[in-house]
């Protein structure tokens, strides 16, 4: 079962989340949040916005890798994917977020 992992980063003591697919692969990661409550709100925003295809922005890195981000209603990025070697891999990642985010459980982990 897919899950959101919430953890505190050692760098700046920021709270972050990552969405992991059934196979354990990370498909979406967040920016840093100053509070755990803000991080949990970010997860709720991903759950809400993952059903809207218009919230996904596709991009290509300078090294020709493919990635995507998901944005909230205010156009702020709330999650970014890993880099994919192909467009089809990126598209599969988007579909995985759409399919899994809404029902994913939230689990606190140590980083």
PDB file of N, CA and C in Angstrom:
ATOM      1  N   UNK A   1       0.830  -1.181   0.000  1.00  0.00           N
ATOM      2  CA  UNK A   1       0.000   0.000   0.000  1.00  0.00           C
ATOM      3  C   UNK A   1       0.879   1.250   0.000  1.00  0.00           C
ATOM      4  N   UNK A   2       0.502   2.230  -0.794  1.00  0.00           N
ATOM      5  CA  UNK A   2       1.248   3.480  -0.862  1.00  0.00           C
ATOM      6  C   UNK A   2       1.148   4.224   0.465  1.00  0.00           C
ATOM      7  N   UNK A   3       2.185   5.025   0.736  1.00  0.00           N
ATOM      8  CA  UNK A   3       2.170   5.770   1.990  1.00  0.00           C
ATOM      9  C   UNK A   3       2.937   7.078   1.854  1.00  0.00           C
ATOM     10  N   UNK A   4       2.524   8.043   2.651  1.00  0.00           N
ATOM     11  CA  UNK A   4       3.280   9.274   2.821  1.00  0.00           C
ATOM     12  C   UNK A   4       4.170   9.071   4.035  1.00  0.00           C
ATOM     13  N   UNK A   5       5.451   9.304   3.886  1.00  0.00           N
ATOM     14  CA  UNK A   5       6.362   9.273   5.006  1.00  0.00           C
ATOM     15  C   UNK A   5       6.682  10.710   5.400  1.00  0.00           C
ATOM     16  N   UNK A   6       6.505  11.024   6.680  1.00  0.00           N
ATOM     17  CA  UNK A   6       6.821  12.344   7.221  1.00  0.00           C
ATOM     18  C   UNK A   6       8.093  12.189   8.041  1.00  0.00           C
ATOM     19  N   UNK A   7       9.056  13.068   7.799  1.00  0.00           N
ATOM     20  CA  UNK A   7      10.316  12.983   8.529  1.00  0.00           C
ATOM     21  C   UNK A   7      10.896  14.380   8.736  1.00  0.00           C
ATOM     22  N   UNK A   8      11.814  14.465   9.670  1.00  0.00           N
ATOM     23  CA  UNK A   8      12.478  15.729   9.944  1.00  0.00           C
ATOM     24  C   UNK A   8      13.890  15.654   9.390  1.00  0.00           C
ATOM     25  N   UNK A   9      14.207  16.589   8.510  1.00  0.00           N
ATOM     26  CA  UNK A   9      15.500  16.615   7.846  1.00  0.00           C
ATOM     27  C   UNK A   9      16.585  17.058   8.825  1.00  0.00           C
ATOM     28  N   UNK A  10      17.720  16.393   8.780  1.00  0.00           N
ATOM     29  CA  UNK A  10      18.830  16.739   9.653  1.00  0.00           C
ATOM     30  C   UNK A  10      19.471  18.072   9.328  1.00  0.00           C
ATOM     31  N   UNK A  11      19.331  18.528   8.082  1.00  0.00           N
ATOM     32  CA  UNK A  11      19.978  19.773   7.666  1.00  0.00           C
ATOM     33  C   UNK A  11      19.485  20.978   8.468  1.00  0.00           C
ATOM     34  N   UNK A  12      18.227  21.302   8.290  1.00  0.00           N
ATOM     35  CA  UNK A  12      17.671  22.508   8.907  1.00  0.00           C
ATOM     36  C   UNK A  12      16.557  22.201   9.888  1.00  0.00           C
ATOM     37  N   UNK A  13      16.452  20.950  10.284  1.00  0.00           N
ATOM     38  CA  UNK A  13      15.344  20.508  11.136  1.00  0.00           C
ATOM     39  C   UNK A  13      13.989  20.794  10.502  1.00  0.00           C
ATOM     40  N   UNK A  14      13.953  20.805   9.171  1.00  0.00           N
ATOM     41  CA  UNK A  14      12.687  21.021   8.460  1.00  0.00           C
ATOM     42  C   UNK A  14      11.918  19.700   8.386  1.00  0.00           C
ATOM     43  N   UNK A  15      10.620  19.829   8.306  1.00  0.00           N
ATOM     44  CA  UNK A  15       9.762  18.662   8.114  1.00  0.00           C
ATOM     45  C   UNK A  15       9.518  18.492   6.626  1.00  0.00           C
ATOM     46  N   UNK A  16       9.550  17.263   6.176  1.00  0.00           N
ATOM     47  CA  UNK A  16       9.346  16.943   4.761  1.00  0.00           C
ATOM     48  C   UNK A  16       8.477  15.698   4.664  1.00  0.00           C
ATOM     49  N   UNK A  17       7.919  15.493   3.469  1.00  0.00           N
ATOM     50  CA  UNK A  17       7.214  14.238   3.219  1.00  0.00           C
ATOM     51  C   UNK A  17       7.630  13.690   1.876  1.00  0.00           C
ATOM     52  N   UNK A  18       7.443  12.396   1.727  1.00  0.00           N
ATOM     53  CA  UNK A  18       7.639  11.734   0.435  1.00  0.00           C
ATOM     54  C   UNK A  18       6.510  10.721   0.278  1.00  0.00           C
ATOM     55  N   UNK A  19       6.033  10.597  -0.932  1.00  0.00           N
ATOM     56  CA  UNK A  19       5.004   9.613  -1.261  1.00  0.00           C
ATOM     57  C   UNK A  19       5.713   8.409  -1.868  1.00  0.00           C
ATOM     58  N   UNK A  20       5.492   7.260  -1.257  1.00  0.00           N
ATOM     59  CA  UNK A  20       6.106   6.023  -1.746  1.00  0.00           C
ATOM     60  C   UNK A  20       5.033   5.120  -2.321  1.00  0.00           C
ATOM     61  N   UNK A  21       5.342   4.516  -3.460  1.00  0.00           N
ATOM     62  CA  UNK A  21       4.434   3.575  -4.117  1.00  0.00           C
ATOM     63  C   UNK A  21       4.457   2.236  -3.379  1.00  0.00           C
ATOM     64  N   UNK A  22       3.590   1.345  -3.816  1.00  0.00           N
ATOM     65  CA  UNK A  22       3.510   0.003  -3.225  1.00  0.00           C
ATOM     66  C   UNK A  22       4.857  -0.716  -3.200  1.00  0.00           C
ATOM     67  N   UNK A  23       5.669  -0.469  -4.219  1.00  0.00           N
ATOM     68  CA  UNK A  23       6.958  -1.161  -4.327  1.00  0.00           C
ATOM     69  C   UNK A  23       8.061  -0.477  -3.515  1.00  0.00           C
ATOM     70  N   UNK A  24       7.717   0.577  -2.772  1.00  0.00           N
ATOM     71  CA  UNK A  24       8.684   1.276  -1.936  1.00  0.00           C
ATOM     72  C   UNK A  24       9.434   2.396  -2.624  1.00  0.00           C
ATOM     73  N   UNK A  25       9.185   2.581  -3.915  1.00  0.00           N
ATOM     74  CA  UNK A  25       9.873   3.626  -4.664  1.00  0.00           C
ATOM     75  C   UNK A  25       9.254   4.986  -4.361  1.00  0.00           C
ATOM     76  N   UNK A  26      10.100   5.983  -4.132  1.00  0.00           N
ATOM     77  CA  UNK A  26       9.615   7.345  -3.902  1.00  0.00           C
ATOM     78  C   UNK A  26       9.157   7.937  -5.227  1.00  0.00           C
ATOM     79  N   UNK A  27       7.914   8.408  -5.259  1.00  0.00           N
ATOM     80  CA  UNK A  27       7.382   8.986  -6.491  1.00  0.00           C
ATOM     81  C   UNK A  27       7.144  10.491  -6.376  1.00  0.00           C
ATOM     82  N   UNK A  28       7.203  11.030  -5.155  1.00  0.00           N
ATOM     83  CA  UNK A  28       6.989  12.463  -4.961  1.00  0.00           C
ATOM     84  C   UNK A  28       7.638  12.882  -3.655  1.00  0.00           C
ATOM     85  N   UNK A  29       8.319  14.024  -3.662  1.00  0.00           N
ATOM     86  CA  UNK A  29       8.959  14.553  -2.455  1.00  0.00           C
ATOM     87  C   UNK A  29       8.579  16.014  -2.285  1.00  0.00           C
ATOM     88  N   UNK A  30       8.544  16.453  -1.033  1.00  0.00           N
ATOM     89  CA  UNK A  30       8.159  17.831  -0.742  1.00  0.00           C
ATOM     90  C   UNK A  30       9.369  18.725  -0.526  1.00  0.00           C
ATOM     91  N   UNK A  31       9.091  20.001  -0.449  1.00  0.00           N
ATOM     92  CA  UNK A  31      10.058  20.984   0.014  1.00  0.00           C
ATOM     93  C   UNK A  31      10.062  20.912   1.537  1.00  0.00           C
ATOM     94  N   UNK A  32      10.900  21.684   2.175  1.00  0.00           N
ATOM     95  CA  UNK A  32      10.951  21.700   3.625  1.00  0.00           C
ATOM     96  C   UNK A  32       9.885  22.597   4.229  1.00  0.00           C
ATOM     97  N   UNK A  33       9.349  22.187   5.355  1.00  0.00           N
ATOM     98  CA  UNK A  33       8.361  22.961   6.114  1.00  0.00           C
ATOM     99  C   UNK A  33       8.928  23.243   7.498  1.00  0.00           C
ATOM    100  N   UNK A  34       8.606  24.401   8.055  1.00  0.00           N
ATOM    101  CA  UNK A  34       9.127  24.756   9.369  1.00  0.00           C
ATOM    102  C   UNK A  34       8.403  24.040  10.501  1.00  0.00           C
ATOM    103  N   UNK A  35       7.173  23.589  10.257  1.00  0.00           N
ATOM    104  CA  UNK A  35       6.425  22.884  11.303  1.00  0.00           C
ATOM    105  C   UNK A  35       5.845  21.587  10.752  1.00  0.00           C
ATOM    106  N   UNK A  36       5.601  20.650  11.643  1.00  0.00           N
ATOM    107  CA  UNK A  36       4.980  19.387  11.255  1.00  0.00           C
ATOM    108  C   UNK A  36       3.561  19.625  10.744  1.00  0.00           C
ATOM    109  N   UNK A  37       2.841  20.554  11.382  1.00  0.00           N
ATOM    110  CA  UNK A  37       1.468  20.849  10.951  1.00  0.00           C
ATOM    111  C   UNK A  37       1.448  21.343   9.508  1.00  0.00           C
ATOM    112  N   UNK A  38       2.399  22.191   9.146  1.00  0.00           N
ATOM    113  CA  UNK A  38       2.462  22.693   7.764  1.00  0.00           C
ATOM    114  C   UNK A  38       2.771  21.552   6.801  1.00  0.00           C
ATOM    115  N   UNK A  39       3.620  20.629   7.219  1.00  0.00           N
ATOM    116  CA  UNK A  39       3.955  19.466   6.399  1.00  0.00           C
ATOM    117  C   UNK A  39       2.715  18.602   6.171  1.00  0.00           C
ATOM    118  N   UNK A  40       1.954  18.369   7.220  1.00  0.00           N
ATOM    119  CA  UNK A  40       0.724  17.577   7.095  1.00  0.00           C
ATOM    120  C   UNK A  40      -0.292  18.288   6.200  1.00  0.00           C
ATOM    121  N   UNK A  41      -0.339  19.607   6.262  1.00  0.00           N
ATOM    122  CA  UNK A  41      -1.208  20.368   5.347  1.00  0.00           C
ATOM    123  C   UNK A  41      -0.759  20.183   3.905  1.00  0.00           C
ATOM    124  N   UNK A  42       0.560  20.097   3.683  1.00  0.00           N
ATOM    125  CA  UNK A  42       1.084  19.835   2.343  1.00  0.00           C
ATOM    126  C   UNK A  42       0.621  18.491   1.814  1.00  0.00           C
ATOM    127  N   UNK A  43       0.611  17.486   2.674  1.00  0.00           N
ATOM    128  CA  UNK A  43       0.119  16.161   2.273  1.00  0.00           C
ATOM    129  C   UNK A  43      -1.356  16.242   1.888  1.00  0.00           C
ATOM    130  N   UNK A  44      -2.144  16.924   2.696  1.00  0.00           N
ATOM    131  CA  UNK A  44      -3.569  17.066   2.381  1.00  0.00           C
ATOM    132  C   UNK A  44      -3.765  17.783   1.055  1.00  0.00           C
ATOM    133  N   UNK A  45      -2.911  18.753   0.767  1.00  0.00           N
ATOM    134  CA  UNK A  45      -2.990  19.463  -0.508  1.00  0.00           C
ATOM    135  C   UNK A  45      -2.656  18.539  -1.678  1.00  0.00           C
ATOM    136  N   UNK A  46      -1.660  17.673  -1.505  1.00  0.00           N
ATOM    137  CA  UNK A  46      -1.343  16.693  -2.560  1.00  0.00           C
ATOM    138  C   UNK A  46      -2.538  15.781  -2.779  1.00  0.00           C
ATOM    139  N   UNK A  47      -3.119  15.276  -1.688  1.00  0.00           N
ATOM    140  CA  UNK A  47      -4.279  14.391  -1.817  1.00  0.00           C
ATOM    141  C   UNK A  47      -5.399  15.077  -2.586  1.00  0.00           C
ATOM    142  N   UNK A  48      -5.666  16.325  -2.259  1.00  0.00           N
ATOM    143  CA  UNK A  48      -6.751  17.082  -2.889  1.00  0.00           C
ATOM    144  C   UNK A  48      -6.455  17.361  -4.361  1.00  0.00           C
ATOM    145  N   UNK A  49      -5.244  17.798  -4.653  1.00  0.00           N
ATOM    146  CA  UNK A  49      -4.908  18.247  -6.006  1.00  0.00           C
ATOM    147  C   UNK A  49      -4.487  17.136  -6.954  1.00  0.00           C
ATOM    148  N   UNK A  50      -4.227  15.936  -6.429  1.00  0.00           N
ATOM    149  CA  UNK A  50      -3.755  14.845  -7.285  1.00  0.00           C
ATOM    150  C   UNK A  50      -4.829  14.322  -8.236  1.00  0.00           C
ATOM    151  N   UNK A  51      -6.070  14.702  -8.031  1.00  0.00           N
ATOM    152  CA  UNK A  51      -7.142  14.251  -8.915  1.00  0.00           C
ATOM    153  C   UNK A  51      -7.329  15.176 -10.118  1.00  0.00           C
ATOM    154  N   UNK A  52      -6.626  16.303 -10.131  1.00  0.00           N
ATOM    155  CA  UNK A  52      -6.776  17.298 -11.195  1.00  0.00           C
ATOM    156  C   UNK A  52      -5.545  17.287 -12.095  1.00  0.00           C
ATOM    157  N   UNK A  53      -5.703  16.812 -13.309  1.00  0.00           N
ATOM    158  CA  UNK A  53      -4.578  16.714 -14.249  1.00  0.00           C
ATOM    159  C   UNK A  53      -3.904  18.058 -14.494  1.00  0.00           C
ATOM    160  N   UNK A  54      -4.652  19.156 -14.358  1.00  0.00           N
ATOM    161  CA  UNK A  54      -4.079  20.485 -14.597  1.00  0.00           C
ATOM    162  C   UNK A  54      -3.080  20.894 -13.516  1.00  0.00           C
ATOM    163  N   UNK A  55      -3.056  20.174 -12.405  1.00  0.00           N
ATOM    164  CA  UNK A  55      -2.141  20.501 -11.301  1.00  0.00           C
ATOM    165  C   UNK A  55      -0.744  19.903 -11.504  1.00  0.00           C
ATOM    166  N   UNK A  56      -0.572  19.069 -12.519  1.00  0.00           N
ATOM    167  CA  UNK A  56       0.718  18.451 -12.787  1.00  0.00           C
ATOM    168  C   UNK A  56       1.450  19.221 -13.876  1.00  0.00           C
ATOM    169  N   UNK A  57       2.680  19.609 -13.583  1.00  0.00           N
ATOM    170  CA  UNK A  57       3.519  20.310 -14.560  1.00  0.00           C
ATOM    171  C   UNK A  57       4.679  19.404 -14.936  1.00  0.00           C
ATOM    172  N   UNK A  58       4.827  19.163 -16.223  1.00  0.00           N
ATOM    173  CA  UNK A  58       5.912  18.313 -16.723  1.00  0.00           C
ATOM    174  C   UNK A  58       7.090  19.196 -17.121  1.00  0.00           C
ATOM    175  N   UNK A  59       8.298  18.691 -16.874  1.00  0.00           N
ATOM    176  CA  UNK A  59       9.490  19.451 -17.244  1.00  0.00           C
ATOM    177  C   UNK A  59      10.620  18.501 -17.629  1.00  0.00           C
ATOM    178  N   UNK A  60      11.656  19.090 -18.196  1.00  0.00           N
ATOM    179  CA  UNK A  60      12.860  18.352 -18.571  1.00  0.00           C
ATOM    180  C   UNK A  60      14.051  19.054 -17.933  1.00  0.00           C
ATOM    181  N   UNK A  61      14.968  18.282 -17.386  1.00  0.00           N
ATOM    182  CA  UNK A  61      16.152  18.856 -16.753  1.00  0.00           C
ATOM    183  C   UNK A  61      17.190  19.229 -17.817  1.00  0.00           C
ATOM    184  N   UNK A  62      18.194  20.018 -17.440  1.00  0.00           N
ATOM    185  CA  UNK A  62      19.267  20.345 -18.399  1.00  0.00           C
ATOM    186  C   UNK A  62      20.016  19.121 -18.921  1.00  0.00           C
ATOM    187  N   UNK A  63      19.942  18.001 -18.202  1.00  0.00           N
ATOM    188  CA  UNK A  63      20.615  16.772 -18.637  1.00  0.00           C
ATOM    189  C   UNK A  63      19.650  15.812 -19.339  1.00  0.00           C
ATOM    190  N   UNK A  64      18.525  16.363 -19.810  1.00  0.00           N
ATOM    191  CA  UNK A  64      17.529  15.603 -20.571  1.00  0.00           C
ATOM    192  C   UNK A  64      16.868  14.467 -19.793  1.00  0.00           C
ATOM    193  N   UNK A  65      16.658  14.693 -18.518  1.00  0.00           N
ATOM    194  CA  UNK A  65      15.863  13.782 -17.702  1.00  0.00           C
ATOM    195  C   UNK A  65      14.461  14.394 -17.609  1.00  0.00           C
ATOM    196  N   UNK A  66      13.485  13.580 -17.288  1.00  0.00           N
ATOM    197  CA  UNK A  66      12.101  14.021 -17.240  1.00  0.00           C
ATOM    198  C   UNK A  66      11.613  14.001 -15.800  1.00  0.00           C
ATOM    199  N   UNK A  67      10.820  15.013 -15.442  1.00  0.00           N
ATOM    200  CA  UNK A  67      10.271  15.079 -14.088  1.00  0.00           C
ATOM    201  C   UNK A  67       8.934  15.794 -14.113  1.00  0.00           C
ATOM    202  N   UNK A  68       8.264  15.807 -12.968  1.00  0.00           N
ATOM    203  CA  UNK A  68       7.008  16.533 -12.844  1.00  0.00           C
ATOM    204  C   UNK A  68       6.894  17.118 -11.453  1.00  0.00           C
ATOM    205  N   UNK A  69       6.016  18.084 -11.336  1.00  0.00           N
ATOM    206  CA  UNK A  69       5.673  18.637 -10.025  1.00  0.00           C
ATOM    207  C   UNK A  69       4.159  18.753  -9.957  1.00  0.00           C
ATOM    208  N   UNK A  70       3.666  18.847  -8.732  1.00  0.00           N
ATOM    209  CA  UNK A  70       2.238  19.052  -8.513  1.00  0.00           C
ATOM    210  C   UNK A  70       2.086  20.363  -7.762  1.00  0.00           C
ATOM    211  N   UNK A  71       1.109  21.152  -8.188  1.00  0.00           N
ATOM    212  CA  UNK A  71       0.912  22.466  -7.598  1.00  0.00           C
ATOM    213  C   UNK A  71      -0.446  22.562  -6.912  1.00  0.00           C
ATOM    214  N   UNK A  72      -0.510  23.462  -5.951  1.00  0.00           N
ATOM    215  CA  UNK A  72      -1.761  23.761  -5.249  1.00  0.00           C
ATOM    216  C   UNK A  72      -2.548  24.791  -6.051  1.00  0.00           C
ATOM    217  N   UNK A  73      -3.733  25.124  -5.571  1.00  0.00           N
ATOM    218  CA  UNK A  73      -4.579  26.104  -6.235  1.00  0.00           C
ATOM    219  C   UNK A  73      -3.932  27.473  -6.369  1.00  0.00           C
ATOM    220  N   UNK A  74      -2.986  27.795  -5.470  1.00  0.00           N
ATOM    221  CA  UNK A  74      -2.286  29.080  -5.536  1.00  0.00           C
ATOM    222  C   UNK A  74      -1.041  29.016  -6.420  1.00  0.00           C
ATOM    223  N   UNK A  75      -0.891  27.945  -7.172  1.00  0.00           N
ATOM    224  CA  UNK A  75       0.224  27.697  -8.098  1.00  0.00           C
ATOM    225  C   UNK A  75       1.548  27.400  -7.408  1.00  0.00           C
ATOM    226  N   UNK A  76       1.553  27.214  -6.100  1.00  0.00           N
ATOM    227  CA  UNK A  76       2.769  26.870  -5.369  1.00  0.00           C
ATOM    228  C   UNK A  76       3.045  25.375  -5.522  1.00  0.00           C
ATOM    229  N   UNK A  77       4.304  25.029  -5.771  1.00  0.00           N
ATOM    230  CA  UNK A  77       4.689  23.625  -5.907  1.00  0.00           C
ATOM    231  C   UNK A  77       4.629  22.964  -4.534  1.00  0.00           C
ATOM    232  N   UNK A  78       3.923  21.832  -4.455  1.00  0.00           N
ATOM    233  CA  UNK A  78       3.804  21.114  -3.187  1.00  0.00           C
ATOM    234  C   UNK A  78       4.532  19.771  -3.217  1.00  0.00           C
ATOM    235  N   UNK A  79       4.963  19.340  -4.390  1.00  0.00           N
ATOM    236  CA  UNK A  79       5.714  18.092  -4.497  1.00  0.00           C
ATOM    237  C   UNK A  79       6.407  17.986  -5.840  1.00  0.00           C
ATOM    238  N   UNK A  80       7.568  17.347  -5.849  1.00  0.00           N
ATOM    239  CA  UNK A  80       8.355  17.183  -7.064  1.00  0.00           C
ATOM    240  C   UNK A  80       8.777  15.720  -7.173  1.00  0.00           C
ATOM    241  N   UNK A  81       8.784  15.233  -8.395  1.00  0.00           N
ATOM    242  CA  UNK A  81       9.141  13.831  -8.628  1.00  0.00           C
ATOM    243  C   UNK A  81      10.644  13.635  -8.650  1.00  0.00           C
ATOM    244  N   UNK A  82      11.027  12.391  -8.720  1.00  0.00           N
ATOM    245  CA  UNK A  82      12.398  12.017  -9.030  1.00  0.00           C
ATOM    246  C   UNK A  82      12.637  12.308 -10.514  1.00  0.00           C
ATOM    247  N   UNK A  83      13.845  12.130 -10.982  1.00  0.00           N
ATOM    248  CA  UNK A  83      14.143  12.232 -12.407  1.00  0.00           C
ATOM    249  C   UNK A  83      13.887  10.891 -13.071  1.00  0.00           C
ATOM    250  N   UNK A  84      13.301  10.954 -14.254  1.00  0.00           N
ATOM    251  CA  UNK A  84      13.025   9.750 -15.040  1.00  0.00           C
ATOM    252  C   UNK A  84      13.828   9.797 -16.330  1.00  0.00           C
ATOM    253  N   UNK A  85      14.207   8.635 -16.833  1.00  0.00           N
ATOM    254  CA  UNK A  85      14.979   8.559 -18.072  1.00  0.00           C
ATOM    255  C   UNK A  85      14.120   8.760 -19.309  1.00  0.00           C
ATOM    256  N   UNK A  86      12.804   8.571 -19.172  1.00  0.00           N
ATOM    257  CA  UNK A  86      11.922   8.664 -20.339  1.00  0.00           C
ATOM    258  C   UNK A  86      10.642   9.423 -20.005  1.00  0.00           C
ATOM    259  N   UNK A  87      10.003   9.923 -21.044  1.00  0.00           N
ATOM    260  CA  UNK A  87       8.705  10.583 -20.867  1.00  0.00           C
ATOM    261  C   UNK A  87       7.673   9.594 -20.353  1.00  0.00           C
ATOM    262  N   UNK A  88       7.728   8.356 -20.846  1.00  0.00           N
ATOM    263  CA  UNK A  88       6.741   7.367 -20.402  1.00  0.00           C
ATOM    264  C   UNK A  88       6.921   7.052 -18.917  1.00  0.00           C
ATOM    265  N   UNK A  89       8.159   7.028 -18.439  1.00  0.00           N
ATOM    266  CA  UNK A  89       8.407   6.824 -17.022  1.00  0.00           C
ATOM    267  C   UNK A  89       7.813   7.943 -16.190  1.00  0.00           C
ATOM    268  N   UNK A  90       8.018   9.185 -16.665  1.00  0.00           N
ATOM    269  CA  UNK A  90       7.437  10.337 -15.973  1.00  0.00           C
ATOM    270  C   UNK A  90       5.921  10.244 -15.962  1.00  0.00           C
ATOM    271  N   UNK A  91       5.338   9.911 -17.090  1.00  0.00           N
ATOM    272  CA  UNK A  91       3.877   9.812 -17.181  1.00  0.00           C
ATOM    273  C   UNK A  91       3.337   8.710 -16.266  1.00  0.00           C
ATOM    274  N   UNK A  92       4.074   7.615 -16.162  1.00  0.00           N
ATOM    275  CA  UNK A  92       3.684   6.552 -15.237  1.00  0.00           C
ATOM    276  C   UNK A  92       3.754   7.045 -13.789  1.00  0.00           C
ATOM    277  N   UNK A  93       4.760   7.882 -13.486  1.00  0.00           N
ATOM    278  CA  UNK A  93       4.877   8.466 -12.155  1.00  0.00           C
ATOM    279  C   UNK A  93       3.684   9.342 -11.822  1.00  0.00           C
ATOM    280  N   UNK A  94       3.256  10.152 -12.775  1.00  0.00           N
ATOM    281  CA  UNK A  94       2.076  11.007 -12.576  1.00  0.00           C
ATOM    282  C   UNK A  94       0.849  10.147 -12.307  1.00  0.00           C
ATOM    283  N   UNK A  95       0.675   9.101 -13.104  1.00  0.00           N
ATOM    284  CA  UNK A  95      -0.477   8.224 -12.909  1.00  0.00           C
ATOM    285  C   UNK A  95      -0.426   7.536 -11.551  1.00  0.00           C
ATOM    286  N   UNK A  96       0.766   7.213 -11.098  1.00  0.00           N
ATOM    287  CA  UNK A  96       0.916   6.591  -9.786  1.00  0.00           C
ATOM    288  C   UNK A  96       0.503   7.550  -8.669  1.00  0.00           C
ATOM    289  N   UNK A  97       0.877   8.818  -8.786  1.00  0.00           N
ATOM    290  CA  UNK A  97       0.453   9.809  -7.789  1.00  0.00           C
ATOM    291  C   UNK A  97      -1.062   9.943  -7.818  1.00  0.00           C
ATOM    292  N   UNK A  98      -1.635  10.054  -9.003  1.00  0.00           N
ATOM    293  CA  UNK A  98      -3.092  10.176  -9.126  1.00  0.00           C
ATOM    294  C   UNK A  98      -3.804   8.984  -8.479  1.00  0.00           C
ATOM    295  N   UNK A  99      -3.261   7.802  -8.703  1.00  0.00           N
ATOM    296  CA  UNK A  99      -3.873   6.565  -8.234  1.00  0.00           C
ATOM    297  C   UNK A  99      -3.677   6.351  -6.729  1.00  0.00           C
ATOM    298  N   UNK A 100      -2.548   6.768  -6.186  1.00  0.00           N
ATOM    299  CA  UNK A 100      -2.175   6.405  -4.817  1.00  0.00           C
ATOM    300  C   UNK A 100      -2.331   7.491  -3.766  1.00  0.00           C
ATOM    301  N   UNK A 101      -2.196   8.749  -4.140  1.00  0.00           N
ATOM    302  CA  UNK A 101      -2.135   9.807  -3.126  1.00  0.00           C
ATOM    303  C   UNK A 101      -3.393   9.893  -2.272  1.00  0.00           C
ATOM    304  N   UNK A 102      -4.541   9.764  -2.882  1.00  0.00           N
ATOM    305  CA  UNK A 102      -5.796   9.954  -2.158  1.00  0.00           C
ATOM    306  C   UNK A 102      -6.030   8.984  -1.023  1.00  0.00           C
ATOM    307  N   UNK A 103      -5.499   7.768  -1.138  1.00  0.00           N
ATOM    308  CA  UNK A 103      -5.745   6.744  -0.118  1.00  0.00           C
ATOM    309  C   UNK A 103      -4.498   6.386   0.677  1.00  0.00           C
ATOM    310  N   UNK A 104      -3.379   7.014   0.376  1.00  0.00           N
ATOM    311  CA  UNK A 104      -2.128   6.686   1.061  1.00  0.00           C
ATOM    312  C   UNK A 104      -2.190   7.060   2.537  1.00  0.00           C
ATOM    313  N   UNK A 105      -1.698   6.173   3.370  1.00  0.00           N
ATOM    314  CA  UNK A 105      -1.633   6.444   4.800  1.00  0.00           C
ATOM    315  C   UNK A 105      -0.417   7.320   5.095  1.00  0.00           C
ATOM    316  N   UNK A 106      -0.453   7.974   6.231  1.00  0.00           N
ATOM    317  CA  UNK A 106       0.647   8.835   6.654  1.00  0.00           C
ATOM    318  C   UNK A 106       1.395   8.130   7.776  1.00  0.00           C
ATOM    319  N   UNK A 107       2.717   8.055   7.613  1.00  0.00           N
ATOM    320  CA  UNK A 107       3.548   7.389   8.608  1.00  0.00           C
ATOM    321  C   UNK A 107       4.739   8.274   8.941  1.00  0.00           C
ATOM    322  N   UNK A 108       5.034   8.452  10.218  1.00  0.00           N
ATOM    323  CA  UNK A 108       6.219   9.194  10.628  1.00  0.00           C
ATOM    324  C   UNK A 108       7.400   8.255  10.647  1.00  0.00           C
ATOM    325  N   UNK A 109       8.525   8.712  10.093  1.00  0.00           N
ATOM    326  CA  UNK A 109       9.748   7.904  10.037  1.00  0.00           C
ATOM    327  C   UNK A 109      10.942   8.758  10.438  1.00  0.00           C
ATOM    328  N   UNK A 110      12.019   8.095  10.801  1.00  0.00           N
ATOM    329  CA  UNK A 110      13.294   8.773  11.060  1.00  0.00           C
ATOM    330  C   UNK A 110      14.062   8.805   9.752  1.00  0.00           C
ATOM    331  N   UNK A 111      14.712   9.924   9.480  1.00  0.00           N
ATOM    332  CA  UNK A 111      15.491  10.026   8.251  1.00  0.00           C
ATOM    333  C   UNK A 111      16.948   9.765   8.511  1.00  0.00           C
TER     334      UNK A 111
END
